[in-house]
Structures are given as structure tokens and as C-alpha cells.
């Protein structure tokens, strides 16, 4: 299905699948039923909000003035004697997924990484 669908169809499918999962958890853990139309409406609303905020973020990036980022931290260390695993994923236009993992110590030294 992924190979025969466009990007928007895949986004809709992923959003509805997530909403089904949320409704399932409400049923299993809270014994609350969620009507199907509500599940679909919520999925589409979440997708719409995501797209709206993604466009706003792109516009802010384009319109922003470069700043001095030396004091900005994009990574926070784990507590002492712990390691922190950072993960990320990306869905390419061709339907392939990319995953990345980085394991670091509290001082920021890399223990291992994989993509």
C-alpha cells in the first residue's frame, strides 16, 4: 500500500491508525468507547494542526535572523550514572523509513550510534 499511495494518503492513514490506537487504549484501560466518526474526525484534526504548525515553523525559519547559538543547548545530559538514548525517525517520499539512535554518557561522550 505504501508504494502505491501518495504522501497525503500515507499521512492520513498514519493519523487514523494512531487515533485507533488511542481509542483502543481508552477502551482497554478506561473502559471508554469512542465512536468511529469521532476517531476519524480527531485523526484528521490532529493532521490538520500538524500541517498548520509545520508550515508556520518553516516560515519562522525562513524569516528568522541568524543568531548566536553558542549558549543554546539542543541536548540535555542524563542524570549522573545514567546514559541517554536519543532517537529519530523520518518517512521519505518514496515510503522508506530512516531511523537513528545515539547513546551518550552524562558528559556527552558517544557510547554508540546507528542508523
PDB file of N, CA and C in Angstrom:
ATOM      1  N   UNK A   1       0.817  -1.192   0.000  1.00  0.00           N
ATOM      2  CA  UNK A   1       0.000   0.000   0.000  1.00  0.00           C
ATOM      3  C   UNK A   1       0.864   1.261   0.000  1.00  0.00           C
ATOM      4  N   UNK A   2       1.954   1.242   0.763  1.00  0.00           N
ATOM      5  CA  UNK A   2       2.820   2.413   0.839  1.00  0.00           C
ATOM      6  C   UNK A   2       3.387   2.756  -0.533  1.00  0.00           C
ATOM      7  N   UNK A   3       3.748   1.760  -1.312  1.00  0.00           N
ATOM      8  CA  UNK A   3       4.345   2.002  -2.619  1.00  0.00           C
ATOM      9  C   UNK A   3       3.323   2.523  -3.632  1.00  0.00           C
ATOM     10  N   UNK A   4       2.040   2.291  -3.388  1.00  0.00           N
ATOM     11  CA  UNK A   4       1.004   2.710  -4.330  1.00  0.00           C
ATOM     12  C   UNK A   4       0.206   3.907  -3.830  1.00  0.00           C
ATOM     13  N   UNK A   5       0.674   4.583  -2.804  1.00  0.00           N
ATOM     14  CA  UNK A   5      -0.052   5.711  -2.221  1.00  0.00           C
ATOM     15  C   UNK A   5       0.797   6.970  -2.285  1.00  0.00           C
ATOM     16  N   UNK A   6       0.118   8.105  -2.295  1.00  0.00           N
ATOM     17  CA  UNK A   6       0.858   9.361  -2.255  1.00  0.00           C
ATOM     18  C   UNK A   6       1.117   9.753  -0.801  1.00  0.00           C
ATOM     19  N   UNK A   7       1.905  10.802  -0.630  1.00  0.00           N
ATOM     20  CA  UNK A   7       2.321  11.231   0.710  1.00  0.00           C
ATOM     21  C   UNK A   7       1.120  11.583   1.586  1.00  0.00           C
ATOM     22  N   UNK A   8       0.140  12.306   1.035  1.00  0.00           N
ATOM     23  CA  UNK A   8      -1.021  12.718   1.828  1.00  0.00           C
ATOM     24  C   UNK A   8      -1.840  11.510   2.294  1.00  0.00           C
ATOM     25  N   UNK A   9      -2.018  10.515   1.441  1.00  0.00           N
ATOM     26  CA  UNK A   9      -2.761   9.310   1.827  1.00  0.00           C
ATOM     27  C   UNK A   9      -2.065   8.572   2.959  1.00  0.00           C
ATOM     28  N   UNK A  10      -0.750   8.508   2.894  1.00  0.00           N
ATOM     29  CA  UNK A  10       0.012   7.833   3.943  1.00  0.00           C
ATOM     30  C   UNK A  10      -0.109   8.605   5.254  1.00  0.00           C
ATOM     31  N   UNK A  11      -0.077   9.943   5.187  1.00  0.00           N
ATOM     32  CA  UNK A  11      -0.234  10.750   6.393  1.00  0.00           C
ATOM     33  C   UNK A  11      -1.612  10.528   7.015  1.00  0.00           C
ATOM     34  N   UNK A  12      -2.641  10.482   6.190  1.00  0.00           N
ATOM     35  CA  UNK A  12      -3.996  10.249   6.693  1.00  0.00           C
ATOM     36  C   UNK A  12      -4.088   8.870   7.333  1.00  0.00           C
ATOM     37  N   UNK A  13      -3.548   7.864   6.671  1.00  0.00           N
ATOM     38  CA  UNK A  13      -3.570   6.503   7.206  1.00  0.00           C
ATOM     39  C   UNK A  13      -2.833   6.430   8.546  1.00  0.00           C
ATOM     40  N   UNK A  14      -1.675   7.053   8.622  1.00  0.00           N
ATOM     41  CA  UNK A  14      -0.904   7.035   9.877  1.00  0.00           C
ATOM     42  C   UNK A  14      -1.654   7.744  10.996  1.00  0.00           C
ATOM     43  N   UNK A  15      -2.280   8.858  10.671  1.00  0.00           N
ATOM     44  CA  UNK A  15      -3.027   9.611  11.678  1.00  0.00           C
ATOM     45  C   UNK A  15      -4.235   8.819  12.179  1.00  0.00           C
ATOM     46  N   UNK A  16      -4.972   8.200  11.271  1.00  0.00           N
ATOM     47  CA  UNK A  16      -6.133   7.393  11.671  1.00  0.00           C
ATOM     48  C   UNK A  16      -5.685   6.176  12.483  1.00  0.00           C
ATOM     49  N   UNK A  17      -4.595   5.553  12.066  1.00  0.00           N
ATOM     50  CA  UNK A  17      -4.076   4.403  12.811  1.00  0.00           C
ATOM     51  C   UNK A  17      -3.722   4.804  14.239  1.00  0.00           C
ATOM     52  N   UNK A  18      -3.089   5.969  14.398  1.00  0.00           N
ATOM     53  CA  UNK A  18      -2.757   6.456  15.739  1.00  0.00           C
ATOM     54  C   UNK A  18      -4.029   6.711  16.551  1.00  0.00           C
ATOM     55  N   UNK A  19      -5.037   7.309  15.940  1.00  0.00           N
ATOM     56  CA  UNK A  19      -6.287   7.574  16.659  1.00  0.00           C
ATOM     57  C   UNK A  19      -6.997   6.281  17.048  1.00  0.00           C
ATOM     58  N   UNK A  20      -6.914   5.278  16.203  1.00  0.00           N
ATOM     59  CA  UNK A  20      -7.480   3.966  16.554  1.00  0.00           C
ATOM     60  C   UNK A  20      -6.752   3.409  17.778  1.00  0.00           C
ATOM     61  N   UNK A  21      -5.430   3.561  17.797  1.00  0.00           N
ATOM     62  CA  UNK A  21      -4.639   3.080  18.933  1.00  0.00           C
ATOM     63  C   UNK A  21      -5.036   3.807  20.216  1.00  0.00           C
ATOM     64  N   UNK A  22      -5.234   5.123  20.138  1.00  0.00           N
ATOM     65  CA  UNK A  22      -5.646   5.899  21.309  1.00  0.00           C
ATOM     66  C   UNK A  22      -7.024   5.444  21.782  1.00  0.00           C
ATOM     67  N   UNK A  23      -7.964   5.241  20.835  1.00  0.00           N
ATOM     68  CA  UNK A  23      -9.310   4.774  21.191  1.00  0.00           C
ATOM     69  C   UNK A  23      -9.246   3.379  21.816  1.00  0.00           C
ATOM     70  N   UNK A  24      -8.401   2.538  21.278  1.00  0.00           N
ATOM     71  CA  UNK A  24      -8.224   1.187  21.827  1.00  0.00           C
ATOM     72  C   UNK A  24      -7.731   1.247  23.268  1.00  0.00           C
ATOM     73  N   UNK A  25      -6.749   2.135  23.523  1.00  0.00           N
ATOM     74  CA  UNK A  25      -6.225   2.271  24.882  1.00  0.00           C
ATOM     75  C   UNK A  25      -7.283   2.808  25.841  1.00  0.00           C
ATOM     76  N   UNK A  26      -8.127   3.733  25.368  1.00  0.00           N
ATOM     77  CA  UNK A  26      -9.214   4.233  26.217  1.00  0.00           C
ATOM     78  C   UNK A  26     -10.173   3.100  26.583  1.00  0.00           C
ATOM     79  N   UNK A  27     -10.440   2.212  25.620  1.00  0.00           N
ATOM     80  CA  UNK A  27     -11.338   1.083  25.877  1.00  0.00           C
ATOM     81  C   UNK A  27     -10.696   0.087  26.848  1.00  0.00           C
ATOM     82  N   UNK A  28      -9.445  -0.252  26.596  1.00  0.00           N
ATOM     83  CA  UNK A  28      -8.760  -1.262  27.410  1.00  0.00           C
ATOM     84  C   UNK A  28      -8.495  -0.760  28.830  1.00  0.00           C
ATOM     85  N   UNK A  29      -8.004   0.484  28.960  1.00  0.00           N
ATOM     86  CA  UNK A  29      -7.555   0.961  30.259  1.00  0.00           C
ATOM     87  C   UNK A  29      -8.583   1.797  31.022  1.00  0.00           C
ATOM     88  N   UNK A  30      -9.561   2.375  30.305  1.00  0.00           N
ATOM     89  CA  UNK A  30     -10.547   3.221  30.972  1.00  0.00           C
ATOM     90  C   UNK A  30     -11.981   2.752  30.717  1.00  0.00           C
ATOM     91  N   UNK A  31     -12.124   1.678  29.940  1.00  0.00           N
ATOM     92  CA  UNK A  31     -13.429   1.129  29.569  1.00  0.00           C
ATOM     93  C   UNK A  31     -14.343   2.194  28.932  1.00  0.00           C
ATOM     94  N   UNK A  32     -13.729   3.080  28.107  1.00  0.00           N
ATOM     95  CA  UNK A  32     -14.476   4.135  27.423  1.00  0.00           C
ATOM     96  C   UNK A  32     -14.554   3.814  25.937  1.00  0.00           C
ATOM     97  N   UNK A  33     -15.775   3.819  25.412  1.00  0.00           N
ATOM     98  CA  UNK A  33     -15.980   3.613  23.982  1.00  0.00           C
ATOM     99  C   UNK A  33     -15.861   4.945  23.247  1.00  0.00           C
ATOM    100  N   UNK A  34     -15.238   4.908  22.076  1.00  0.00           N
ATOM    101  CA  UNK A  34     -15.119   6.096  21.240  1.00  0.00           C
ATOM    102  C   UNK A  34     -15.783   5.791  19.903  1.00  0.00           C
ATOM    103  N   UNK A  35     -16.796   6.568  19.507  1.00  0.00           N
ATOM    104  CA  UNK A  35     -17.449   6.334  18.215  1.00  0.00           C
ATOM    105  C   UNK A  35     -16.447   6.454  17.064  1.00  0.00           C
ATOM    106  N   UNK A  36     -16.639   5.648  16.027  1.00  0.00           N
ATOM    107  CA  UNK A  36     -15.731   5.622  14.885  1.00  0.00           C
ATOM    108  C   UNK A  36     -15.595   6.999  14.253  1.00  0.00           C
ATOM    109  N   UNK A  37     -16.699   7.702  14.070  1.00  0.00           N
ATOM    110  CA  UNK A  37     -16.638   9.020  13.441  1.00  0.00           C
ATOM    111  C   UNK A  37     -15.789   9.979  14.265  1.00  0.00           C
ATOM    112  N   UNK A  38     -15.835   9.834  15.589  1.00  0.00           N
ATOM    113  CA  UNK A  38     -15.013  10.678  16.459  1.00  0.00           C
ATOM    114  C   UNK A  38     -13.537  10.342  16.300  1.00  0.00           C
ATOM    115  N   UNK A  39     -13.221   9.068  16.151  1.00  0.00           N
ATOM    116  CA  UNK A  39     -11.833   8.635  15.948  1.00  0.00           C
ATOM    117  C   UNK A  39     -11.289   9.245  14.657  1.00  0.00           C
ATOM    118  N   UNK A  40     -12.064   9.160  13.578  1.00  0.00           N
ATOM    119  CA  UNK A  40     -11.619   9.685  12.290  1.00  0.00           C
ATOM    120  C   UNK A  40     -11.524  11.215  12.334  1.00  0.00           C
ATOM    121  N   UNK A  41     -12.542  11.865  12.889  1.00  0.00           N
ATOM    122  CA  UNK A  41     -12.515  13.331  12.987  1.00  0.00           C
ATOM    123  C   UNK A  41     -11.305  13.814  13.773  1.00  0.00           C
ATOM    124  N   UNK A  42     -11.021  13.150  14.882  1.00  0.00           N
ATOM    125  CA  UNK A  42      -9.878  13.537  15.708  1.00  0.00           C
ATOM    126  C   UNK A  42      -8.570  13.343  14.933  1.00  0.00           C
ATOM    127  N   UNK A  43      -8.465  12.245  14.206  1.00  0.00           N
ATOM    128  CA  UNK A  43      -7.253  11.977  13.424  1.00  0.00           C
ATOM    129  C   UNK A  43      -7.028  13.070  12.385  1.00  0.00           C
ATOM    130  N   UNK A  44      -8.086  13.443  11.681  1.00  0.00           N
ATOM    131  CA  UNK A  44      -7.957  14.461  10.641  1.00  0.00           C
ATOM    132  C   UNK A  44      -7.666  15.838  11.242  1.00  0.00           C
ATOM    133  N   UNK A  45      -8.250  16.127  12.399  1.00  0.00           N
ATOM    134  CA  UNK A  45      -7.978  17.398  13.072  1.00  0.00           C
ATOM    135  C   UNK A  45      -6.520  17.479  13.510  1.00  0.00           C
ATOM    136  N   UNK A  46      -5.997  16.408  14.084  1.00  0.00           N
ATOM    137  CA  UNK A  46      -4.598  16.367  14.516  1.00  0.00           C
ATOM    138  C   UNK A  46      -3.671  16.548  13.316  1.00  0.00           C
ATOM    139  N   UNK A  47      -3.972  15.875  12.205  1.00  0.00           N
ATOM    140  CA  UNK A  47      -3.159  16.004  10.998  1.00  0.00           C
ATOM    141  C   UNK A  47      -3.208  17.437  10.468  1.00  0.00           C
ATOM    142  N   UNK A  48      -4.391  18.031  10.465  1.00  0.00           N
ATOM    143  CA  UNK A  48      -4.535  19.415  10.013  1.00  0.00           C
ATOM    144  C   UNK A  48      -3.697  20.358  10.881  1.00  0.00           C
ATOM    145  N   UNK A  49      -3.763  20.201  12.204  1.00  0.00           N
ATOM    146  CA  UNK A  49      -2.986  21.041  13.114  1.00  0.00           C
ATOM    147  C   UNK A  49      -1.488  20.838  12.908  1.00  0.00           C
ATOM    148  N   UNK A  50      -1.090  19.590  12.703  1.00  0.00           N
ATOM    149  CA  UNK A  50       0.321  19.298  12.454  1.00  0.00           C
ATOM    150  C   UNK A  50       0.805  20.037  11.210  1.00  0.00           C
ATOM    151  N   UNK A  51       0.043  19.924  10.128  1.00  0.00           N
ATOM    152  CA  UNK A  51       0.446  20.585   8.878  1.00  0.00           C
ATOM    153  C   UNK A  51       0.485  22.096   9.063  1.00  0.00           C
ATOM    154  N   UNK A  52      -0.488  22.652   9.761  1.00  0.00           N
ATOM    155  CA  UNK A  52      -0.531  24.098  10.004  1.00  0.00           C
ATOM    156  C   UNK A  52       0.717  24.550  10.767  1.00  0.00           C
ATOM    157  N   UNK A  53       1.062  23.821  11.831  1.00  0.00           N
ATOM    158  CA  UNK A  53       2.222  24.197  12.637  1.00  0.00           C
ATOM    159  C   UNK A  53       3.531  23.956  11.889  1.00  0.00           C
ATOM    160  N   UNK A  54       3.571  22.941  11.038  1.00  0.00           N
ATOM    161  CA  UNK A  54       4.774  22.677  10.249  1.00  0.00           C
ATOM    162  C   UNK A  54       5.021  23.825   9.272  1.00  0.00           C
ATOM    163  N   UNK A  55       3.966  24.333   8.656  1.00  0.00           N
ATOM    164  CA  UNK A  55       4.104  25.473   7.740  1.00  0.00           C
ATOM    165  C   UNK A  55       4.559  26.705   8.511  1.00  0.00           C
ATOM    166  N   UNK A  56       3.963  26.959   9.674  1.00  0.00           N
ATOM    167  CA  UNK A  56       4.373  28.102  10.496  1.00  0.00           C
ATOM    168  C   UNK A  56       5.845  27.999  10.893  1.00  0.00           C
ATOM    169  N   UNK A  57       6.275  26.808  11.263  1.00  0.00           N
ATOM    170  CA  UNK A  57       7.670  26.614  11.669  1.00  0.00           C
ATOM    171  C   UNK A  57       8.615  26.877  10.500  1.00  0.00           C
ATOM    172  N   UNK A  58       8.238  26.431   9.301  1.00  0.00           N
ATOM    173  CA  UNK A  58       9.067  26.688   8.121  1.00  0.00           C
ATOM    174  C   UNK A  58       9.151  28.178   7.835  1.00  0.00           C
ATOM    175  N   UNK A  59       8.020  28.873   7.956  1.00  0.00           N
ATOM    176  CA  UNK A  59       8.015  30.318   7.723  1.00  0.00           C
ATOM    177  C   UNK A  59       8.876  31.043   8.744  1.00  0.00           C
ATOM    178  N   UNK A  60       8.813  30.627  10.003  1.00  0.00           N
ATOM    179  CA  UNK A  60       9.633  31.248  11.038  1.00  0.00           C
ATOM    180  C   UNK A  60      11.114  31.033  10.757  1.00  0.00           C
ATOM    181  N   UNK A  61      11.465  29.840  10.278  1.00  0.00           N
ATOM    182  CA  UNK A  61      12.859  29.538   9.961  1.00  0.00           C
ATOM    183  C   UNK A  61      13.339  30.405   8.809  1.00  0.00           C
ATOM    184  N   UNK A  62      12.524  30.543   7.784  1.00  0.00           N
ATOM    185  CA  UNK A  62      12.895  31.347   6.620  1.00  0.00           C
ATOM    186  C   UNK A  62      13.016  32.815   7.000  1.00  0.00           C
ATOM    187  N   UNK A  63      12.118  33.305   7.851  1.00  0.00           N
ATOM    188  CA  UNK A  63      12.097  34.719   8.204  1.00  0.00           C
ATOM    189  C   UNK A  63      12.981  35.085   9.389  1.00  0.00           C
ATOM    190  N   UNK A  64      13.585  34.098  10.033  1.00  0.00           N
ATOM    191  CA  UNK A  64      14.375  34.402  11.227  1.00  0.00           C
ATOM    192  C   UNK A  64      15.752  34.938  10.857  1.00  0.00           C
ATOM    193  N   UNK A  65      16.275  35.747  11.745  1.00  0.00           N
ATOM    194  CA  UNK A  65      17.615  36.298  11.571  1.00  0.00           C
ATOM    195  C   UNK A  65      18.578  35.363  12.276  1.00  0.00           C
ATOM    196  N   UNK A  66      19.694  34.994  11.635  1.00  0.00           N
ATOM    197  CA  UNK A  66      20.652  34.113  12.310  1.00  0.00           C
ATOM    198  C   UNK A  66      21.084  34.708  13.650  1.00  0.00           C
ATOM    199  N   UNK A  67      21.204  33.843  14.646  1.00  0.00           N
ATOM    200  CA  UNK A  67      21.598  34.307  15.974  1.00  0.00           C
ATOM    201  C   UNK A  67      22.798  33.527  16.469  1.00  0.00           C
ATOM    202  N   UNK A  68      23.357  33.987  17.552  1.00  0.00           N
ATOM    203  CA  UNK A  68      24.495  33.322  18.167  1.00  0.00           C
ATOM    204  C   UNK A  68      23.967  32.146  18.976  1.00  0.00           C
ATOM    205  N   UNK A  69      24.248  30.922  18.524  1.00  0.00           N
ATOM    206  CA  UNK A  69      23.701  29.728  19.162  1.00  0.00           C
ATOM    207  C   UNK A  69      24.691  29.058  20.114  1.00  0.00           C
ATOM    208  N   UNK A  70      25.782  29.719  20.441  1.00  0.00           N
ATOM    209  CA  UNK A  70      26.783  29.074  21.295  1.00  0.00           C
ATOM    210  C   UNK A  70      26.250  28.718  22.666  1.00  0.00           C
ATOM    211  N   UNK A  71      25.277  29.480  23.160  1.00  0.00           N
ATOM    212  CA  UNK A  71      24.765  29.228  24.501  1.00  0.00           C
ATOM    213  C   UNK A  71      23.465  28.434  24.494  1.00  0.00           C
ATOM    214  N   UNK A  72      22.970  28.094  23.320  1.00  0.00           N
ATOM    215  CA  UNK A  72      21.748  27.294  23.221  1.00  0.00           C
ATOM    216  C   UNK A  72      22.112  25.822  23.280  1.00  0.00           C
ATOM    217  N   UNK A  73      21.445  25.090  24.148  1.00  0.00           N
ATOM    218  CA  UNK A  73      21.679  23.653  24.248  1.00  0.00           C
ATOM    219  C   UNK A  73      20.569  22.923  23.525  1.00  0.00           C
ATOM    220  N   UNK A  74      20.934  22.054  22.614  1.00  0.00           N
ATOM    221  CA  UNK A  74      19.923  21.248  21.949  1.00  0.00           C
ATOM    222  C   UNK A  74      19.885  19.846  22.565  1.00  0.00           C
ATOM    223  N   UNK A  75      20.813  19.552  23.450  1.00  0.00           N
ATOM    224  CA  UNK A  75      20.859  18.243  24.104  1.00  0.00           C
ATOM    225  C   UNK A  75      21.063  18.463  25.592  1.00  0.00           C
ATOM    226  N   UNK A  76      20.280  17.768  26.387  1.00  0.00           N
ATOM    227  CA  UNK A  76      20.427  17.818  27.838  1.00  0.00           C
ATOM    228  C   UNK A  76      20.972  16.488  28.323  1.00  0.00           C
ATOM    229  N   UNK A  77      21.956  16.504  29.188  1.00  0.00           N
ATOM    230  CA  UNK A  77      22.552  15.245  29.654  1.00  0.00           C
ATOM    231  C   UNK A  77      21.606  14.469  30.563  1.00  0.00           C
ATOM    232  N   UNK A  78      21.808  13.158  30.635  1.00  0.00           N
ATOM    233  CA  UNK A  78      21.008  12.348  31.561  1.00  0.00           C
ATOM    234  C   UNK A  78      21.509  12.560  32.993  1.00  0.00           C
ATOM    235  N   UNK A  79      20.758  12.056  33.969  1.00  0.00           N
ATOM    236  CA  UNK A  79      21.235  12.134  35.363  1.00  0.00           C
ATOM    237  C   UNK A  79      22.560  11.383  35.516  1.00  0.00           C
ATOM    238  N   UNK A  80      23.268  11.705  36.575  1.00  0.00           N
ATOM    239  CA  UNK A  80      24.556  11.067  36.868  1.00  0.00           C
ATOM    240  C   UNK A  80      24.393   9.545  36.914  1.00  0.00           C
ATOM    241  N   UNK A  81      25.367   8.832  36.368  1.00  0.00           N
ATOM    242  CA  UNK A  81      25.413   7.366  36.311  1.00  0.00           C
ATOM    243  C   UNK A  81      24.329   6.771  35.411  1.00  0.00           C
ATOM    244  N   UNK A  82      23.798   7.579  34.486  1.00  0.00           N
ATOM    245  CA  UNK A  82      22.835   7.095  33.503  1.00  0.00           C
ATOM    246  C   UNK A  82      23.376   7.381  32.115  1.00  0.00           C
ATOM    247  N   UNK A  83      22.794   6.721  31.135  1.00  0.00           N
ATOM    248  CA  UNK A  83      23.075   7.021  29.751  1.00  0.00           C
ATOM    249  C   UNK A  83      21.763   7.455  29.100  1.00  0.00           C
ATOM    250  N   UNK A  84      21.871   8.222  28.033  1.00  0.00           N
ATOM    251  CA  UNK A  84      20.677   8.737  27.372  1.00  0.00           C
ATOM    252  C   UNK A  84      20.667   8.273  25.917  1.00  0.00           C
ATOM    253  N   UNK A  85      19.518   7.699  25.518  1.00  0.00           N
ATOM    254  CA  UNK A  85      19.344   7.247  24.143  1.00  0.00           C
ATOM    255  C   UNK A  85      18.444   8.245  23.429  1.00  0.00           C
ATOM    256  N   UNK A  86      18.998   8.917  22.414  1.00  0.00           N
ATOM    257  CA  UNK A  86      18.213   9.816  21.572  1.00  0.00           C
ATOM    258  C   UNK A  86      17.865   9.071  20.297  1.00  0.00           C
ATOM    259  N   UNK A  87      16.609   9.215  19.863  1.00  0.00           N
ATOM    260  CA  UNK A  87      16.146   8.521  18.673  1.00  0.00           C
ATOM    261  C   UNK A  87      15.432   9.498  17.748  1.00  0.00           C
ATOM    262  N   UNK A  88      15.422   9.179  16.469  1.00  0.00           N
ATOM    263  CA  UNK A  88      14.687   9.977  15.498  1.00  0.00           C
ATOM    264  C   UNK A  88      14.299   9.067  14.350  1.00  0.00           C
ATOM    265  N   UNK A  89      13.225   9.446  13.654  1.00  0.00           N
ATOM    266  CA  UNK A  89      12.758   8.682  12.512  1.00  0.00           C
ATOM    267  C   UNK A  89      12.286   9.654  11.440  1.00  0.00           C
ATOM    268  N   UNK A  90      12.328   9.189  10.196  1.00  0.00           N
ATOM    269  CA  UNK A  90      11.900  10.016   9.074  1.00  0.00           C
ATOM    270  C   UNK A  90      11.279   9.124   8.011  1.00  0.00           C
ATOM    271  N   UNK A  91      10.118   9.548   7.502  1.00  0.00           N
ATOM    272  CA  UNK A  91       9.473   8.837   6.399  1.00  0.00           C
ATOM    273  C   UNK A  91       9.801   9.572   5.119  1.00  0.00           C
ATOM    274  N   UNK A  92      10.506   8.905   4.208  1.00  0.00           N
ATOM    275  CA  UNK A  92      10.881   9.508   2.934  1.00  0.00           C
ATOM    276  C   UNK A  92       9.689   9.507   1.987  1.00  0.00           C
ATOM    277  N   UNK A  93       9.757  10.357   0.965  1.00  0.00           N
ATOM    278  CA  UNK A  93       8.685  10.439  -0.021  1.00  0.00           C
ATOM    279  C   UNK A  93       8.456   9.114  -0.747  1.00  0.00           C
ATOM    280  N   UNK A  94       9.499   8.294  -0.845  1.00  0.00           N
ATOM    281  CA  UNK A  94       9.350   7.014  -1.548  1.00  0.00           C
ATOM    282  C   UNK A  94       8.815   5.901  -0.650  1.00  0.00           C
ATOM    283  N   UNK A  95       8.451   6.223   0.601  1.00  0.00           N
ATOM    284  CA  UNK A  95       7.863   5.238   1.502  1.00  0.00           C
ATOM    285  C   UNK A  95       8.858   4.536   2.407  1.00  0.00           C
ATOM    286  N   UNK A  96      10.145   4.789   2.250  1.00  0.00           N
ATOM    287  CA  UNK A  96      11.147   4.176   3.105  1.00  0.00           C
ATOM    288  C   UNK A  96      11.293   4.968   4.403  1.00  0.00           C
ATOM    289  N   UNK A  97      11.589   4.241   5.467  1.00  0.00           N
ATOM    290  CA  UNK A  97      11.794   4.861   6.773  1.00  0.00           C
ATOM    291  C   UNK A  97      13.273   4.940   7.072  1.00  0.00           C
ATOM    292  N   UNK A  98      13.676   6.009   7.757  1.00  0.00           N
ATOM    293  CA  UNK A  98      15.031   6.123   8.262  1.00  0.00           C
ATOM    294  C   UNK A  98      14.961   6.251   9.774  1.00  0.00           C
ATOM    295  N   UNK A  99      15.837   5.566  10.475  1.00  0.00           N
ATOM    296  CA  UNK A  99      15.886   5.617  11.929  1.00  0.00           C
ATOM    297  C   UNK A  99      17.305   5.935  12.369  1.00  0.00           C
ATOM    298  N   UNK A 100      17.441   6.667  13.454  1.00  0.00           N
ATOM    299  CA  UNK A 100      18.752   6.955  14.004  1.00  0.00           C
ATOM    300  C   UNK A 100      18.717   6.858  15.515  1.00  0.00           C
ATOM    301  N   UNK A 101      19.788   6.334  16.087  1.00  0.00           N
ATOM    302  CA  UNK A 101      19.900   6.172  17.533  1.00  0.00           C
ATOM    303  C   UNK A 101      21.289   6.631  17.956  1.00  0.00           C
ATOM    304  N   UNK A 102      21.367   7.395  19.039  1.00  0.00           N
ATOM    305  CA  UNK A 102      22.648   7.809  19.609  1.00  0.00           C
ATOM    306  C   UNK A 102      22.573   7.592  21.119  1.00  0.00           C
ATOM    307  N   UNK A 103      23.525   6.832  21.654  1.00  0.00           N
ATOM    308  CA  UNK A 103      23.605   6.581  23.094  1.00  0.00           C
ATOM    309  C   UNK A 103      24.797   7.353  23.640  1.00  0.00           C
ATOM    310  N   UNK A 104      24.531   8.227  24.642  1.00  0.00           N
ATOM    311  CA  UNK A 104      25.598   9.059  25.189  1.00  0.00           C
ATOM    312  C   UNK A 104      25.641   8.979  26.712  1.00  0.00           C
ATOM    313  N   UNK A 105      26.842   9.236  27.234  1.00  0.00           N
ATOM    314  CA  UNK A 105      27.042   9.310  28.679  1.00  0.00           C
ATOM    315  C   UNK A 105      26.643  10.694  29.179  1.00  0.00           C
ATOM    316  N   UNK A 106      26.650  10.864  30.486  1.00  0.00           N
ATOM    317  CA  UNK A 106      26.259  12.144  31.101  1.00  0.00           C
ATOM    318  C   UNK A 106      27.162  13.300  30.681  1.00  0.00           C
ATOM    319  N   UNK A 107      28.408  13.003  30.282  1.00  0.00           N
ATOM    320  CA  UNK A 107      29.306  14.076  29.847  1.00  0.00           C
ATOM    321  C   UNK A 107      29.197  14.353  28.345  1.00  0.00           C
ATOM    322  N   UNK A 108      28.276  13.661  27.678  1.00  0.00           N
ATOM    323  CA  UNK A 108      28.052  13.886  26.264  1.00  0.00           C
ATOM    324  C   UNK A 108      28.832  12.967  25.346  1.00  0.00           C
ATOM    325  N   UNK A 109      29.754  12.181  25.899  1.00  0.00           N
ATOM    326  CA  UNK A 109      30.544  11.274  25.043  1.00  0.00           C
ATOM    327  C   UNK A 109      29.646  10.198  24.466  1.00  0.00           C
ATOM    328  N   UNK A 110      29.853   9.903  23.207  1.00  0.00           N
ATOM    329  CA  UNK A 110      29.045   8.918  22.491  1.00  0.00           C
ATOM    330  C   UNK A 110      29.484   7.498  22.862  1.00  0.00           C
ATOM    331  N   UNK A 111      28.522   6.676  23.258  1.00  0.00           N
ATOM    332  CA  UNK A 111      28.769   5.271  23.546  1.00  0.00           C
ATOM    333  C   UNK A 111      28.604   4.469  22.259  1.00  0.00           C
ATOM    334  N   UNK A 112      27.598   4.859  21.475  1.00  0.00           N
ATOM    335  CA  UNK A 112      27.351   4.182  20.203  1.00  0.00           C
ATOM    336  C   UNK A 112      26.269   4.898  19.426  1.00  0.00           C
ATOM    337  N   UNK A 113      26.248   4.639  18.124  1.00  0.00           N
ATOM    338  CA  UNK A 113      25.237   5.248  17.260  1.00  0.00           C
ATOM    339  C   UNK A 113      24.960   4.293  16.113  1.00  0.00           C
ATOM    340  N   UNK A 114      23.736   4.366  15.607  1.00  0.00           N
ATOM    341  CA  UNK A 114      23.370   3.506  14.495  1.00  0.00           C
ATOM    342  C   UNK A 114      22.255   4.180  13.696  1.00  0.00           C
ATOM    343  N   UNK A 115      22.243   3.942  12.397  1.00  0.00           N
ATOM    344  CA  UNK A 115      21.140   4.417  11.549  1.00  0.00           C
ATOM    345  C   UNK A 115      20.621   3.252  10.737  1.00  0.00           C
TER     346      UNK A 115
END
